[in-house]
Every structure is written in structure tokens, then in C-alpha cells.
């Protein structure tokens, strides 16, 4: 068993990393250089607050991701969910796109 955060190895009987406070996984993912990853964009999200919420959910599902914000947010540090015209894009590796879209759809479903 391994900690996905600190990558410490544990005996099979242990299921939780006390240092990082996360559940252990059976094996660590294979290291891939960033140059080898094909990043794809999910749907555009209004405002950075919602983008941060989606990013946290993706990270909890162990999906690598990053946010690219528009000029108003990145240049001026304007924060908020309802600022007209502010948009954010979340990028994930191509291999994780379908699972990431499922999570995004669940979070943004307003029905």
C-alpha cells in the first residue's frame, strides 16, 4: 500500500496515511514527464470559485488538472463566482477526460 501524497510505502494491513490524512492506494502511478502528457480542456466554467471547486473534486478523484483563468482574474486578482464575463478553463490529461467530464457534469447539473 502507498500514500498517493507522500508516496510512503505501508504494510497491506494499513489503509490510511496518518501524516497526509488520506486513504492509501495499491500502487503508485507511473511517472510521466509533462512533455508527454496531452492536456485537454473541459467545458468553460464561469468564475474562478466554481473552477476551484471542480479542481478540488478532480484532485480528490486523483485526476491531475490545472486551471487557466481569463485576463481579469489572473492579471488583477479579481475573485468571485458571479463577476460578469470571467471564465476559467480546467485542463486534464487526455486519458482522464471522460471521467473528469462525468464529475463536472454531476457538479454542474442544475435539474
N, C-alpha and C. Protein backbone atom coordinates (compact mmCIF):
# COMPACT_ATOMS: atom_id res chain seq x y z
N UNK A 1 0.85 -1.17 0.00
CA UNK A 1 0.00 0.00 0.00
C UNK A 1 0.90 1.24 0.00
N UNK A 2 0.43 2.28 -0.71
CA UNK A 2 1.21 3.51 -0.84
C UNK A 2 0.33 4.73 -0.57
N UNK A 3 0.96 5.78 -0.05
CA UNK A 3 0.26 7.04 0.11
C UNK A 3 0.36 7.81 -1.20
N UNK A 4 -0.77 8.26 -1.77
CA UNK A 4 -0.71 9.00 -3.03
C UNK A 4 -0.12 10.40 -2.88
N UNK A 5 -0.03 10.90 -1.65
CA UNK A 5 0.52 12.24 -1.41
C UNK A 5 2.03 12.21 -1.19
N UNK A 6 2.47 11.50 -0.15
CA UNK A 6 3.90 11.50 0.21
C UNK A 6 4.65 10.31 -0.40
N UNK A 7 3.90 9.38 -1.02
CA UNK A 7 4.44 8.20 -1.68
C UNK A 7 5.15 7.21 -0.74
N UNK A 8 4.84 7.30 0.55
CA UNK A 8 5.40 6.35 1.52
C UNK A 8 4.76 4.99 1.32
N UNK A 9 5.54 3.94 1.59
CA UNK A 9 5.03 2.58 1.44
C UNK A 9 4.63 2.05 2.81
N UNK A 10 3.49 1.32 2.86
CA UNK A 10 2.97 0.78 4.11
C UNK A 10 2.68 -0.71 3.95
N UNK A 11 2.53 -1.38 5.07
CA UNK A 11 2.12 -2.78 5.06
C UNK A 11 0.68 -2.86 4.55
N UNK A 12 0.30 -4.02 4.01
CA UNK A 12 -1.02 -4.20 3.42
C UNK A 12 -2.16 -3.99 4.41
N UNK A 13 -1.91 -4.20 5.69
CA UNK A 13 -2.97 -4.06 6.69
C UNK A 13 -3.34 -2.60 6.96
N UNK A 14 -2.46 -1.68 6.61
CA UNK A 14 -2.69 -0.26 6.88
C UNK A 14 -3.40 0.35 5.68
N UNK A 15 -4.46 1.10 5.94
CA UNK A 15 -5.28 1.65 4.86
C UNK A 15 -5.28 3.18 4.80
N UNK A 16 -4.58 3.84 5.75
CA UNK A 16 -4.68 5.30 5.88
C UNK A 16 -3.31 5.88 6.24
N UNK A 17 -2.90 6.93 5.57
CA UNK A 17 -1.64 7.61 5.91
C UNK A 17 -1.92 8.63 7.00
N UNK A 18 -1.36 8.43 8.16
CA UNK A 18 -1.57 9.34 9.29
C UNK A 18 -0.97 10.72 9.04
N UNK A 19 0.15 10.77 8.31
CA UNK A 19 0.80 12.06 8.05
C UNK A 19 -0.02 12.93 7.11
N UNK A 20 -0.49 12.34 6.01
CA UNK A 20 -1.20 13.11 4.98
C UNK A 20 -2.71 13.10 5.16
N UNK A 21 -3.20 12.18 6.01
CA UNK A 21 -4.63 12.04 6.26
C UNK A 21 -5.41 11.68 5.00
N UNK A 22 -4.87 10.72 4.23
CA UNK A 22 -5.54 10.25 3.02
C UNK A 22 -5.54 8.73 3.00
N UNK A 23 -6.46 8.15 2.23
CA UNK A 23 -6.51 6.71 2.04
C UNK A 23 -5.34 6.26 1.17
N UNK A 24 -4.84 5.06 1.45
CA UNK A 24 -3.74 4.50 0.69
C UNK A 24 -4.25 3.85 -0.59
N UNK A 25 -3.35 3.71 -1.55
CA UNK A 25 -3.67 3.05 -2.82
C UNK A 25 -2.75 1.85 -2.98
N UNK A 26 -3.13 0.93 -3.89
CA UNK A 26 -2.37 -0.31 -4.05
C UNK A 26 -1.03 -0.09 -4.75
N UNK A 27 -0.97 0.82 -5.71
CA UNK A 27 0.29 1.09 -6.38
C UNK A 27 0.33 2.55 -6.83
N UNK A 28 1.53 3.09 -6.87
CA UNK A 28 1.71 4.48 -7.30
C UNK A 28 1.62 4.57 -8.81
N UNK A 29 1.06 5.67 -9.30
CA UNK A 29 1.01 5.83 -10.76
C UNK A 29 2.41 5.98 -11.34
N UNK A 30 2.53 5.55 -12.57
CA UNK A 30 3.81 5.63 -13.26
C UNK A 30 4.13 7.10 -13.54
N UNK A 31 5.37 7.51 -13.28
CA UNK A 31 5.78 8.88 -13.56
C UNK A 31 5.89 9.10 -15.06
N UNK A 32 5.25 10.18 -15.52
CA UNK A 32 5.29 10.56 -16.92
C UNK A 32 5.70 12.02 -16.98
N UNK A 33 6.64 12.36 -17.83
CA UNK A 33 7.07 13.75 -17.91
C UNK A 33 5.94 14.61 -18.48
N UNK A 34 5.90 15.87 -18.08
CA UNK A 34 4.83 16.77 -18.52
C UNK A 34 4.82 16.94 -20.03
N UNK A 35 5.98 16.82 -20.67
CA UNK A 35 6.04 16.96 -22.12
C UNK A 35 5.29 15.84 -22.83
N UNK A 36 5.15 14.69 -22.19
CA UNK A 36 4.49 13.55 -22.81
C UNK A 36 2.98 13.54 -22.60
N UNK A 37 2.47 14.45 -21.78
CA UNK A 37 1.05 14.48 -21.48
C UNK A 37 0.32 15.38 -22.47
N UNK A 38 -0.77 14.88 -23.03
CA UNK A 38 -1.61 15.69 -23.90
C UNK A 38 -2.74 16.25 -23.03
N UNK A 39 -2.70 17.55 -22.76
CA UNK A 39 -3.70 18.20 -21.92
C UNK A 39 -4.88 18.64 -22.78
N UNK A 40 -6.10 18.39 -22.29
CA UNK A 40 -7.31 18.80 -22.98
C UNK A 40 -8.18 19.62 -22.03
N UNK A 41 -8.95 20.50 -22.60
CA UNK A 41 -9.79 21.40 -21.81
C UNK A 41 -11.17 20.80 -21.58
N UNK A 42 -11.67 20.97 -20.37
CA UNK A 42 -13.06 20.65 -20.08
C UNK A 42 -13.90 21.86 -20.49
N UNK A 43 -15.19 21.81 -20.27
CA UNK A 43 -16.06 22.94 -20.59
C UNK A 43 -15.61 24.19 -19.84
N UNK A 44 -15.86 25.36 -20.42
CA UNK A 44 -15.56 26.63 -19.77
C UNK A 44 -16.46 26.79 -18.55
N UNK A 45 -15.87 27.30 -17.46
CA UNK A 45 -16.60 27.48 -16.21
C UNK A 45 -16.63 28.96 -15.89
N UNK A 46 -17.78 29.47 -15.50
CA UNK A 46 -17.91 30.88 -15.15
C UNK A 46 -17.30 31.14 -13.79
N UNK A 47 -16.30 32.01 -13.74
CA UNK A 47 -15.69 32.40 -12.47
C UNK A 47 -14.70 31.39 -11.94
N UNK A 48 -13.81 31.88 -11.11
CA UNK A 48 -12.75 31.03 -10.56
C UNK A 48 -13.18 30.24 -9.35
N UNK A 49 -14.20 30.69 -8.65
CA UNK A 49 -14.64 29.97 -7.45
C UNK A 49 -15.17 28.59 -7.84
N UNK A 50 -16.02 28.53 -8.87
CA UNK A 50 -16.54 27.24 -9.34
C UNK A 50 -15.42 26.37 -9.89
N UNK A 51 -14.47 27.00 -10.60
CA UNK A 51 -13.34 26.25 -11.15
C UNK A 51 -12.52 25.61 -10.03
N UNK A 52 -12.30 26.35 -8.95
CA UNK A 52 -11.56 25.80 -7.81
C UNK A 52 -12.30 24.62 -7.18
N UNK A 53 -13.64 24.71 -7.12
CA UNK A 53 -14.43 23.61 -6.58
C UNK A 53 -14.31 22.37 -7.45
N UNK A 54 -14.37 22.56 -8.76
CA UNK A 54 -14.24 21.42 -9.69
C UNK A 54 -12.84 20.84 -9.58
N UNK A 55 -11.83 21.69 -9.51
CA UNK A 55 -10.44 21.23 -9.40
C UNK A 55 -10.26 20.38 -8.15
N UNK A 56 -10.83 20.81 -7.03
CA UNK A 56 -10.72 20.04 -5.80
C UNK A 56 -11.37 18.66 -5.95
N UNK A 57 -12.53 18.62 -6.59
CA UNK A 57 -13.21 17.33 -6.81
C UNK A 57 -12.40 16.42 -7.72
N UNK A 58 -11.79 16.99 -8.77
CA UNK A 58 -10.95 16.19 -9.66
C UNK A 58 -9.73 15.65 -8.92
N UNK A 59 -9.12 16.49 -8.11
CA UNK A 59 -7.94 16.04 -7.34
C UNK A 59 -8.33 14.96 -6.34
N UNK A 60 -9.52 15.08 -5.73
CA UNK A 60 -9.99 14.03 -4.81
C UNK A 60 -10.19 12.71 -5.54
N UNK A 61 -10.50 12.77 -6.82
CA UNK A 61 -10.66 11.57 -7.64
C UNK A 61 -9.32 11.16 -8.27
N UNK A 62 -8.24 11.80 -7.84
CA UNK A 62 -6.87 11.54 -8.31
C UNK A 62 -6.73 11.78 -9.81
N UNK A 63 -7.38 12.84 -10.29
CA UNK A 63 -7.25 13.26 -11.68
C UNK A 63 -6.36 14.50 -11.71
N UNK A 64 -5.20 14.43 -12.36
CA UNK A 64 -4.33 15.61 -12.45
C UNK A 64 -5.05 16.72 -13.24
N UNK A 65 -4.87 17.96 -12.81
CA UNK A 65 -5.55 19.06 -13.50
C UNK A 65 -4.89 20.39 -13.16
N UNK A 66 -5.19 21.39 -13.99
CA UNK A 66 -4.81 22.76 -13.67
C UNK A 66 -5.84 23.69 -14.25
N UNK A 67 -5.89 24.91 -13.69
CA UNK A 67 -6.87 25.91 -14.12
C UNK A 67 -6.14 27.01 -14.87
N UNK A 68 -6.75 27.43 -15.98
CA UNK A 68 -6.28 28.61 -16.71
C UNK A 68 -7.42 29.61 -16.67
N UNK A 69 -7.14 30.78 -16.08
CA UNK A 69 -8.18 31.79 -15.93
C UNK A 69 -8.04 32.88 -16.98
N UNK A 70 -9.11 33.67 -17.14
CA UNK A 70 -9.05 34.76 -18.11
C UNK A 70 -8.22 35.92 -17.54
N UNK A 71 -8.06 36.94 -18.34
CA UNK A 71 -7.19 38.06 -18.00
C UNK A 71 -7.61 38.77 -16.72
N UNK A 72 -8.91 39.04 -16.53
CA UNK A 72 -9.38 39.77 -15.35
C UNK A 72 -9.01 39.06 -14.05
N UNK A 73 -9.14 37.76 -14.04
CA UNK A 73 -8.85 37.00 -12.83
C UNK A 73 -7.35 36.92 -12.60
N UNK A 74 -6.59 36.56 -13.64
CA UNK A 74 -5.16 36.35 -13.46
C UNK A 74 -4.38 37.64 -13.31
N UNK A 75 -4.70 38.68 -14.06
CA UNK A 75 -3.92 39.92 -14.02
C UNK A 75 -4.26 40.78 -12.81
N UNK A 76 -5.53 40.86 -12.49
CA UNK A 76 -5.96 41.77 -11.42
C UNK A 76 -6.30 41.06 -10.11
N UNK A 77 -6.31 39.76 -10.13
CA UNK A 77 -6.62 39.02 -8.91
C UNK A 77 -8.08 39.15 -8.49
N UNK A 78 -8.94 39.44 -9.45
CA UNK A 78 -10.37 39.57 -9.17
C UNK A 78 -10.91 38.17 -8.87
N UNK A 79 -11.58 38.02 -7.75
CA UNK A 79 -12.12 36.73 -7.35
C UNK A 79 -13.62 36.81 -7.24
N UNK A 80 -14.28 35.73 -7.58
CA UNK A 80 -15.73 35.69 -7.41
C UNK A 80 -16.38 34.72 -8.36
N UNK A 81 -17.62 34.37 -8.04
CA UNK A 81 -18.33 33.43 -8.88
C UNK A 81 -19.33 34.12 -9.80
N UNK A 82 -19.68 35.34 -9.50
CA UNK A 82 -20.70 36.00 -10.29
C UNK A 82 -20.22 37.24 -11.02
N UNK A 83 -18.93 37.39 -11.21
CA UNK A 83 -18.42 38.55 -11.91
C UNK A 83 -18.67 38.34 -13.40
N UNK A 84 -19.47 39.22 -14.01
CA UNK A 84 -19.83 39.02 -15.42
C UNK A 84 -18.59 38.91 -16.32
N UNK A 85 -18.62 37.92 -17.19
CA UNK A 85 -17.58 37.78 -18.19
C UNK A 85 -16.33 37.02 -17.77
N UNK A 86 -16.19 36.71 -16.47
CA UNK A 86 -14.99 35.98 -16.06
C UNK A 86 -15.18 34.50 -16.34
N UNK A 87 -14.16 33.90 -16.91
CA UNK A 87 -14.23 32.48 -17.29
C UNK A 87 -12.94 31.77 -16.91
N UNK A 88 -13.06 30.50 -16.62
CA UNK A 88 -11.92 29.65 -16.32
C UNK A 88 -12.03 28.37 -17.12
N UNK A 89 -10.88 27.81 -17.46
CA UNK A 89 -10.84 26.51 -18.13
C UNK A 89 -10.01 25.58 -17.27
N UNK A 90 -10.47 24.35 -17.16
CA UNK A 90 -9.72 23.32 -16.44
C UNK A 90 -9.18 22.35 -17.47
N UNK A 91 -7.90 22.05 -17.34
CA UNK A 91 -7.23 21.12 -18.24
C UNK A 91 -6.89 19.84 -17.49
N UNK A 92 -7.12 18.72 -18.15
CA UNK A 92 -6.79 17.39 -17.61
C UNK A 92 -6.05 16.61 -18.69
N UNK A 93 -5.27 15.60 -18.30
CA UNK A 93 -4.67 14.74 -19.32
C UNK A 93 -5.76 14.04 -20.13
N UNK A 94 -5.49 13.87 -21.41
CA UNK A 94 -6.45 13.27 -22.33
C UNK A 94 -7.00 11.95 -21.81
N UNK A 95 -6.17 11.15 -21.14
CA UNK A 95 -6.60 9.85 -20.62
C UNK A 95 -7.68 9.97 -19.54
N UNK A 96 -7.78 11.12 -18.89
CA UNK A 96 -8.72 11.32 -17.80
C UNK A 96 -9.96 12.12 -18.22
N UNK A 97 -10.04 12.49 -19.49
CA UNK A 97 -11.10 13.40 -19.94
C UNK A 97 -12.51 12.88 -19.63
N UNK A 98 -12.81 11.64 -19.99
CA UNK A 98 -14.17 11.11 -19.81
C UNK A 98 -14.57 11.10 -18.34
N UNK A 99 -13.70 10.64 -17.48
CA UNK A 99 -14.01 10.61 -16.04
C UNK A 99 -14.15 12.02 -15.49
N UNK A 100 -13.29 12.93 -15.94
CA UNK A 100 -13.37 14.33 -15.48
C UNK A 100 -14.68 14.97 -15.92
N UNK A 101 -15.12 14.68 -17.14
CA UNK A 101 -16.38 15.24 -17.64
C UNK A 101 -17.57 14.69 -16.85
N UNK A 102 -17.51 13.43 -16.43
CA UNK A 102 -18.57 12.87 -15.59
C UNK A 102 -18.67 13.65 -14.28
N UNK A 103 -17.53 13.92 -13.67
CA UNK A 103 -17.52 14.66 -12.41
C UNK A 103 -18.03 16.08 -12.63
N UNK A 104 -17.56 16.74 -13.69
CA UNK A 104 -18.00 18.09 -13.99
C UNK A 104 -19.51 18.13 -14.25
N UNK A 105 -20.02 17.18 -15.03
CA UNK A 105 -21.46 17.14 -15.31
C UNK A 105 -22.29 16.95 -14.04
N UNK A 106 -21.81 16.08 -13.14
CA UNK A 106 -22.52 15.87 -11.87
C UNK A 106 -22.55 17.15 -11.04
N UNK A 107 -21.43 17.87 -11.04
CA UNK A 107 -21.36 19.09 -10.23
C UNK A 107 -22.18 20.23 -10.81
N UNK A 108 -22.25 20.32 -12.13
CA UNK A 108 -22.92 21.44 -12.78
C UNK A 108 -24.35 21.13 -13.18
N UNK A 109 -24.85 19.94 -12.85
CA UNK A 109 -26.22 19.57 -13.19
C UNK A 109 -27.16 20.37 -12.31
N UNK A 110 -28.03 21.14 -12.92
CA UNK A 110 -28.93 22.02 -12.17
C UNK A 110 -30.38 21.54 -12.18
N UNK A 111 -30.63 20.33 -12.66
CA UNK A 111 -32.00 19.82 -12.73
C UNK A 111 -32.47 19.34 -11.39
